[in-house]
Amino acid sequence: MIFIENEGITDPHTNLALEEYALRHFDEAKNYLLFYINEPSIIIGRNQNTLEEINHEYVEEKGIHVVRRISGGGAVYHDHGNLNFSFITDYDKESLNNFKKFTGPVIKVLQDMGVDAEMSGRNDILAHGKKISGNAQFSSTRRMFSHGTLLYDSDLSEVGKALQVKMSKIASKGHKSVRSRVANITEFLDSPPPIETFRSQVLHGLYANRPDFSTYHLTDEEWEGVFQLRDRKYGTWDWNYGHSPKFNIQRNRRFPIGEIDLRLDVEKGMIKNMKIYGDFFGKEPVHTLEERFKNRRYHPEDIKKAMEGVDVEMYFGKIDPKDFTDLVYGADE
């Protein structure tokens, strides 16, 4: 495995562009590891409605970056106290949504430091019952990455101020506040070092007993490719916020794989537009599923026809197809 040096860049637009560039352009015969630390920012999941996830006035006032990533999952807050990691490897179906495979080495490093870390739920790392890491994944046809954030010494008071956490998510966790569910790794260390030292310790731990470890520095041409991707995608309003179509029907439900939030624009009984939001994980982009419903009757028969031949798990993860069709048109729970 090769470590990609991001040269100390803390701009989240550039770091997310670097991650995607490496996924799509680096040697497919090799596996890579990327670390990055971002300036204060909210990183939005691929399928989320940005304006409903953030405290817009607070974000504007504080100059917090808002950037959408290409992986699924929920919105997270980053600052200089977060260490973010990304494993870039070949894609295989067994690895997709197998967060334990990628977080296992990180958990072992934390345990070796004296942190009682463990995998919990679908994509979290906990210490003493509190979340210290959230993880997400993205896959192309041949390659994938599994990435996560390590809350090391983050300003946790900013999480609740910058994010508008939905009550359904709080209720599903069984806790009353965001702050009560998360913790910094420094809280579990006797003498916590600066985050730069922690970064080095994690890197050393991940590559212990790996004689093939090496560090890669991007060429000027590769950096130019990263900056172009940043400017045309991650630095744009359309990508980070996007246009929310008008709708007159909203249906949402929280499943074990995450929340699915449907918005439908129905005119004279016909579906004119559908938008799917949520913090679920899936391989295929949901817009291809949305297109299947356009110009169909908002009627159970047409909903079932739209779903014929659809592998729902590829869009949302492990979910019963009937649960999804019932969500589109069925009885509310």
Protein backbone atom coordinates (compact mmCIF):
# COMPACT_ATOMS: atom_id res chain seq x y z
CA MET A 1 0.00 0.00 0.00
CA ILE A 2 1.22 3.49 -0.90
CA PHE A 3 0.70 6.57 1.23
CA ILE A 4 -0.37 9.67 -0.73
CA GLU A 5 1.14 12.85 0.70
CA ASN A 6 -1.36 15.72 0.43
CA GLU A 7 1.37 18.24 1.26
CA GLY A 8 -0.44 19.67 4.29
CA ILE A 9 -3.40 21.06 2.32
CA THR A 10 -6.37 21.88 4.57
CA ASP A 11 -8.83 23.14 1.95
CA PRO A 12 -11.69 20.58 1.87
CA HIS A 13 -12.53 21.28 -1.79
CA THR A 14 -8.99 20.34 -2.79
CA ASN A 15 -8.74 17.33 -0.49
CA LEU A 16 -11.98 15.79 -1.76
CA ALA A 17 -10.87 16.46 -5.34
CA LEU A 18 -7.53 14.76 -4.58
CA GLU A 19 -9.34 11.72 -3.22
CA GLU A 20 -11.52 11.35 -6.32
CA TYR A 21 -8.61 12.06 -8.68
CA ALA A 22 -6.53 9.33 -7.04
CA LEU A 23 -9.45 6.91 -7.29
CA ARG A 24 -9.95 7.53 -11.00
CA HIS A 25 -6.40 8.10 -12.26
CA PHE A 26 -3.81 6.39 -10.07
CA ASP A 27 -2.31 2.98 -10.86
CA GLU A 28 -5.11 0.41 -10.54
CA ALA A 29 -2.61 -2.32 -9.70
CA LYS A 30 -1.83 -0.62 -6.37
CA ASN A 31 -3.66 0.25 -3.17
CA TYR A 32 -3.36 3.68 -1.60
CA LEU A 33 -3.88 5.41 1.72
CA LEU A 34 -4.64 9.13 1.98
CA PHE A 35 -4.72 11.33 5.09
CA TYR A 36 -6.05 14.89 5.22
CA ILE A 37 -7.05 17.48 7.81
CA ASN A 38 -9.63 20.07 6.78
CA GLU A 39 -10.38 23.62 7.82
CA PRO A 40 -13.78 24.05 9.55
CA SER A 41 -16.25 22.55 7.11
CA ILE A 42 -19.40 20.50 6.74
CA ILE A 43 -18.99 17.53 4.42
CA ILE A 44 -22.34 16.56 2.94
CA GLY A 45 -23.23 13.01 1.88
CA ARG A 46 -23.79 12.43 -1.83
CA ASN A 47 -27.56 11.98 -1.54
CA GLN A 48 -28.38 14.65 1.03
CA ASN A 49 -30.33 17.89 0.69
CA THR A 50 -27.68 20.38 1.78
CA LEU A 51 -29.96 23.19 2.90
CA GLU A 52 -31.83 20.83 5.21
CA GLU A 53 -28.62 19.52 6.80
CA ILE A 54 -26.90 22.77 7.77
CA ASN A 55 -27.61 25.79 9.92
CA HIS A 56 -27.23 28.13 6.97
CA GLU A 57 -27.02 31.42 8.89
CA TYR A 58 -24.41 30.07 11.30
CA VAL A 59 -22.36 28.54 8.50
CA GLU A 60 -22.36 31.84 6.60
CA GLU A 61 -21.50 33.85 9.69
CA LYS A 62 -18.55 31.62 10.63
CA GLY A 63 -17.27 31.10 7.09
CA ILE A 64 -17.56 27.32 7.37
CA HIS A 65 -16.96 25.49 4.09
CA VAL A 66 -19.80 23.32 2.78
CA VAL A 67 -18.66 20.58 0.39
CA ARG A 68 -20.48 17.55 -0.98
CA ARG A 69 -18.55 14.29 -1.19
CA ILE A 70 -19.20 11.50 -3.69
CA SER A 71 -19.82 8.86 -1.01
CA GLY A 72 -23.13 8.26 0.76
CA GLY A 73 -23.92 8.59 4.44
CA GLY A 74 -24.68 11.64 6.55
CA ALA A 75 -23.25 15.11 7.00
CA VAL A 76 -20.18 15.46 9.23
CA TYR A 77 -18.29 18.39 10.70
CA HIS A 78 -14.55 18.70 10.08
CA ASP A 79 -11.98 21.04 11.61
CA HIS A 80 -8.28 21.06 12.43
CA GLY A 81 -8.94 18.51 15.19
CA ASN A 82 -10.15 15.85 12.73
CA LEU A 83 -7.86 13.37 11.02
CA ASN A 84 -9.47 11.94 7.88
CA PHE A 85 -8.31 8.71 6.25
CA SER A 86 -9.16 7.05 2.94
CA PHE A 87 -8.27 3.55 1.71
CA ILE A 88 -8.32 3.42 -2.11
CA THR A 89 -8.47 -0.13 -3.47
CA ASP A 90 -9.94 -2.36 -6.16
CA TYR A 91 -13.72 -2.68 -6.08
CA ASP A 92 -15.32 -5.98 -5.17
CA LYS A 93 -18.90 -6.56 -4.03
CA GLU A 94 -17.78 -8.20 -0.78
CA SER A 95 -15.91 -5.04 0.24
CA LEU A 96 -18.78 -2.64 -0.49
CA ASN A 97 -20.50 -1.74 2.80
CA ASN A 98 -18.00 -3.97 4.60
CA PHE A 99 -16.74 -1.20 6.86
CA LYS A 100 -15.21 -3.64 9.31
CA LYS A 101 -12.64 -4.67 6.68
CA PHE A 102 -11.27 -1.14 6.43
CA THR A 103 -11.80 0.14 9.96
CA GLY A 104 -10.28 -2.97 11.54
CA PRO A 105 -6.65 -1.82 11.10
CA VAL A 106 -7.55 1.67 12.38
CA ILE A 107 -9.29 0.22 15.42
CA LYS A 108 -6.24 -1.93 16.20
CA VAL A 109 -3.95 1.13 16.07
CA LEU A 110 -6.26 3.00 18.45
CA GLN A 111 -6.39 0.02 20.80
CA ASP A 112 -2.59 -0.16 20.80
CA MET A 113 -2.61 3.50 21.91
CA GLY A 114 -4.86 2.60 24.84
CA VAL A 115 -8.19 3.66 23.34
CA ASP A 116 -10.98 1.11 23.90
CA ALA A 117 -12.22 1.37 20.31
CA GLU A 118 -14.75 -0.93 18.66
CA MET A 119 -16.91 -1.13 15.54
CA SER A 120 -20.58 -0.37 16.13
CA GLY A 121 -23.68 -0.14 13.97
CA ARG A 122 -23.29 0.07 10.23
CA ASN A 123 -20.33 2.46 9.97
CA ASP A 124 -19.20 3.93 13.33
CA ILE A 125 -16.22 3.46 15.62
CA LEU A 126 -17.04 3.94 19.30
CA ALA A 127 -14.97 4.37 22.44
CA HIS A 128 -16.75 3.82 25.75
CA GLY A 129 -20.08 4.05 23.96
CA LYS A 130 -19.34 7.35 22.23
CA LYS A 131 -18.74 7.89 18.53
CA ILE A 132 -15.18 8.83 17.58
CA SER A 133 -15.36 7.95 13.87
CA GLY A 134 -17.91 7.78 11.08
CA ASN A 135 -17.19 6.07 7.77
CA ALA A 136 -18.52 6.02 4.21
CA GLN A 137 -17.69 4.42 0.86
CA PHE A 138 -17.79 5.06 -2.87
CA SER A 139 -17.15 2.71 -5.76
CA SER A 140 -16.72 3.11 -9.50
CA THR A 141 -16.75 0.21 -11.93
CA ARG A 142 -13.27 -0.98 -10.95
CA ARG A 143 -12.12 1.03 -7.94
CA MET A 144 -13.48 2.10 -4.56
CA PHE A 145 -12.53 3.98 -1.45
CA SER A 146 -13.56 3.58 2.15
CA HIS A 147 -12.97 6.74 4.14
CA GLY A 148 -13.63 8.01 7.61
CA THR A 149 -12.91 10.75 10.08
CA LEU A 150 -11.19 10.37 13.43
CA LEU A 151 -12.43 12.88 16.01
CA TYR A 152 -9.17 13.65 17.75
CA ASP A 153 -9.42 17.13 19.26
CA SER A 154 -12.34 18.69 17.44
CA ASP A 155 -14.47 21.56 18.73
CA LEU A 156 -17.54 19.42 19.39
CA SER A 157 -19.62 22.43 20.42
CA GLU A 158 -19.58 23.46 16.76
CA VAL A 159 -21.20 20.22 15.60
CA GLY A 160 -24.62 21.04 17.02
CA LYS A 161 -24.39 24.68 15.92
CA ALA A 162 -23.39 24.03 12.32
CA LEU A 163 -25.50 20.94 11.64
CA GLN A 164 -29.27 20.65 11.80
CA VAL A 165 -29.49 17.08 13.04
CA LYS A 166 -32.92 15.55 12.35
CA MET A 167 -34.99 14.41 15.30
CA SER A 168 -35.48 11.00 13.65
CA LYS A 169 -31.74 10.40 13.75
CA ILE A 170 -31.43 11.52 17.36
CA ALA A 171 -34.35 9.29 18.38
CA SER A 172 -32.91 6.30 16.54
CA LYS A 173 -29.67 6.65 18.48
CA GLY A 174 -31.52 6.80 21.80
CA HIS A 175 -29.75 9.97 22.95
CA LYS A 176 -30.93 13.50 23.49
CA SER A 177 -28.12 15.51 21.90
CA VAL A 178 -25.37 15.39 19.34
CA ARG A 179 -22.73 16.24 21.92
CA SER A 180 -23.73 13.32 24.13
CA ARG A 181 -23.19 10.85 21.27
CA VAL A 182 -19.70 11.92 20.19
CA ALA A 183 -16.32 12.28 21.85
CA ASN A 184 -12.75 13.20 21.05
CA ILE A 185 -10.03 10.57 21.13
CA THR A 186 -8.00 12.90 23.38
CA GLU A 187 -10.55 12.20 26.13
CA PHE A 188 -9.29 8.60 26.27
CA LEU A 189 -5.54 9.29 26.23
CA ASP A 190 -3.48 10.04 29.34
CA SER A 191 -1.11 12.45 27.59
CA PRO A 192 -2.59 13.32 24.18
CA PRO A 193 0.01 14.66 21.74
CA PRO A 194 -0.66 17.31 19.05
CA ILE A 195 -2.72 16.05 16.11
CA GLU A 196 0.35 16.08 13.85
CA THR A 197 2.03 13.57 16.19
CA PHE A 198 -1.18 11.53 16.37
CA ARG A 199 -1.26 11.49 12.56
CA SER A 200 2.27 10.09 12.49
CA GLN A 201 1.42 7.48 15.13
CA VAL A 202 -1.62 6.26 13.19
CA LEU A 203 0.36 6.12 9.96
CA HIS A 204 3.18 4.20 11.61
CA GLY A 205 0.71 1.81 13.21
CA LEU A 206 -1.07 1.11 9.92
CA TYR A 207 2.21 0.31 8.20
CA ALA A 208 3.81 -1.69 10.97
CA ASN A 209 5.33 -4.88 9.54
CA ARG A 210 4.70 -3.73 5.95
CA PRO A 211 8.05 -3.69 4.13
CA ASP A 212 6.40 -2.44 0.91
CA PHE A 213 5.30 0.85 2.50
CA SER A 214 6.20 3.95 0.48
CA THR A 215 5.10 7.58 0.17
CA TYR A 216 3.95 9.13 -3.09
CA HIS A 217 4.15 12.82 -4.02
CA LEU A 218 1.96 13.99 -6.89
CA THR A 219 3.59 15.43 -9.99
CA ASP A 220 2.83 18.99 -11.12
CA GLU A 221 0.66 17.55 -13.89
CA GLU A 222 -1.33 15.47 -11.41
CA TRP A 223 -1.85 18.45 -9.12
CA GLU A 224 -3.14 20.40 -12.10
CA GLY A 225 -5.69 17.63 -12.68
CA VAL A 226 -6.74 17.81 -9.01
CA PHE A 227 -7.16 21.59 -9.19
CA GLN A 228 -9.23 21.34 -12.36
CA LEU A 229 -11.54 18.79 -10.72
CA ARG A 230 -11.82 21.04 -7.67
CA ASP A 231 -12.71 24.10 -9.75
CA ARG A 232 -15.27 22.45 -12.00
CA LYS A 233 -16.92 20.31 -9.32
CA TYR A 234 -16.10 20.60 -5.62
CA GLY A 235 -15.83 24.39 -5.72
CA THR A 236 -19.21 24.95 -7.39
CA TRP A 237 -22.58 25.81 -5.89
CA ASP A 238 -24.38 23.37 -8.19
CA TRP A 239 -22.43 20.42 -6.81
CA ASN A 240 -22.38 21.43 -3.15
CA TYR A 241 -25.96 22.68 -2.87
CA GLY A 242 -27.76 21.73 -6.07
CA HIS A 243 -31.23 22.63 -7.18
CA SER A 244 -34.13 21.20 -5.17
CA PRO A 245 -37.12 20.61 -7.47
CA LYS A 246 -40.56 21.71 -6.36
CA PHE A 247 -42.57 18.92 -4.75
CA ASN A 248 -45.97 18.40 -3.21
CA ILE A 249 -45.51 14.97 -1.61
CA GLN A 250 -42.84 14.06 0.92
CA ARG A 251 -42.43 10.57 2.34
CA ASN A 252 -39.55 9.47 4.55
CA ARG A 253 -38.66 6.58 6.79
CA ARG A 254 -35.60 5.46 8.70
CA PHE A 255 -34.46 1.93 7.90
CA PRO A 256 -31.50 -0.03 9.32
CA ILE A 257 -29.53 1.12 6.24
CA GLY A 258 -30.32 4.78 6.93
CA GLU A 259 -33.00 7.33 6.17
CA ILE A 260 -34.69 7.50 2.77
CA ASP A 261 -36.47 10.79 2.09
CA LEU A 262 -38.59 11.00 -1.08
CA ARG A 263 -39.87 14.20 -2.68
CA LEU A 264 -42.38 13.87 -5.50
CA ASP A 265 -43.94 16.49 -7.74
CA VAL A 266 -47.28 15.03 -8.77
CA GLU A 267 -49.55 16.87 -11.21
CA LYS A 268 -52.95 15.51 -12.23
CA GLY A 269 -51.97 12.12 -10.91
CA MET A 270 -48.70 11.96 -12.88
CA ILE A 271 -45.21 11.97 -11.38
CA LYS A 272 -43.40 14.92 -12.95
CA ASN A 273 -40.33 14.76 -10.78
CA MET A 274 -38.82 12.65 -8.02
CA LYS A 275 -35.86 13.38 -5.78
CA ILE A 276 -34.36 10.86 -3.38
CA TYR A 277 -32.42 12.14 -0.36
CA GLY A 278 -30.92 10.31 2.58
CA ASP A 279 -27.86 9.11 4.48
CA PHE A 280 -27.90 5.59 3.04
CA PHE A 281 -25.00 3.88 1.26
CA GLY A 282 -25.26 2.44 -2.22
CA LYS A 283 -23.15 1.84 -5.29
CA GLU A 284 -25.40 3.17 -8.06
CA PRO A 285 -26.35 6.89 -8.33
CA VAL A 286 -29.98 7.39 -7.31
CA HIS A 287 -30.76 9.72 -10.22
CA THR A 288 -31.02 6.69 -12.51
CA LEU A 289 -33.72 5.31 -10.20
CA GLU A 290 -35.48 8.68 -10.02
CA GLU A 291 -35.76 8.78 -13.81
CA ARG A 292 -37.71 5.50 -13.85
CA PHE A 293 -40.65 7.17 -12.10
CA LYS A 294 -41.01 10.27 -14.27
CA ASN A 295 -44.22 10.58 -16.31
CA ARG A 296 -45.81 7.58 -14.63
CA ARG A 297 -49.10 7.57 -12.77
CA TYR A 298 -48.81 7.96 -9.03
CA HIS A 299 -50.55 4.63 -8.65
CA PRO A 300 -49.48 1.28 -7.12
CA GLU A 301 -49.49 -0.52 -10.50
CA ASP A 302 -47.23 2.05 -12.13
CA ILE A 303 -44.94 2.16 -9.09
CA LYS A 304 -44.50 -1.61 -9.31
CA LYS A 305 -43.79 -1.39 -13.06
CA ALA A 306 -41.15 1.27 -12.45
CA MET A 307 -39.43 -1.10 -10.02
CA GLU A 308 -39.36 -4.12 -12.33
CA GLY A 309 -35.80 -5.40 -12.76
CA VAL A 310 -34.39 -2.93 -10.21
CA ASP A 311 -31.75 -4.20 -7.77
CA VAL A 312 -32.70 -1.99 -4.84
CA GLU A 313 -29.64 -3.00 -2.81
CA MET A 314 -27.34 -1.37 -5.37
CA TYR A 315 -28.93 2.01 -4.57
CA PHE A 316 -29.53 1.81 -0.83
CA GLY A 317 -27.83 -1.23 0.64
CA LYS A 318 -29.66 -4.21 2.13
CA ILE A 319 -33.35 -3.32 2.01
CA ASP A 320 -36.48 -5.23 1.00
CA PRO A 321 -37.75 -3.92 -2.39
CA LYS A 322 -41.30 -3.96 -1.02
CA ASP A 323 -40.27 -1.60 1.78
CA PHE A 324 -39.14 0.90 -0.82
CA THR A 325 -42.26 0.61 -3.00
CA ASP A 326 -44.40 0.96 0.13
CA LEU A 327 -42.51 4.12 0.93
CA VAL A 328 -43.19 5.56 -2.52
CA TYR A 329 -46.89 4.68 -2.37
CA GLY A 330 -48.22 2.89 0.66
CA ALA A 331 -49.33 3.16 4.24
CA ASP A 332 -47.16 5.25 6.54
CA GLU A 333 -45.76 3.57 9.63
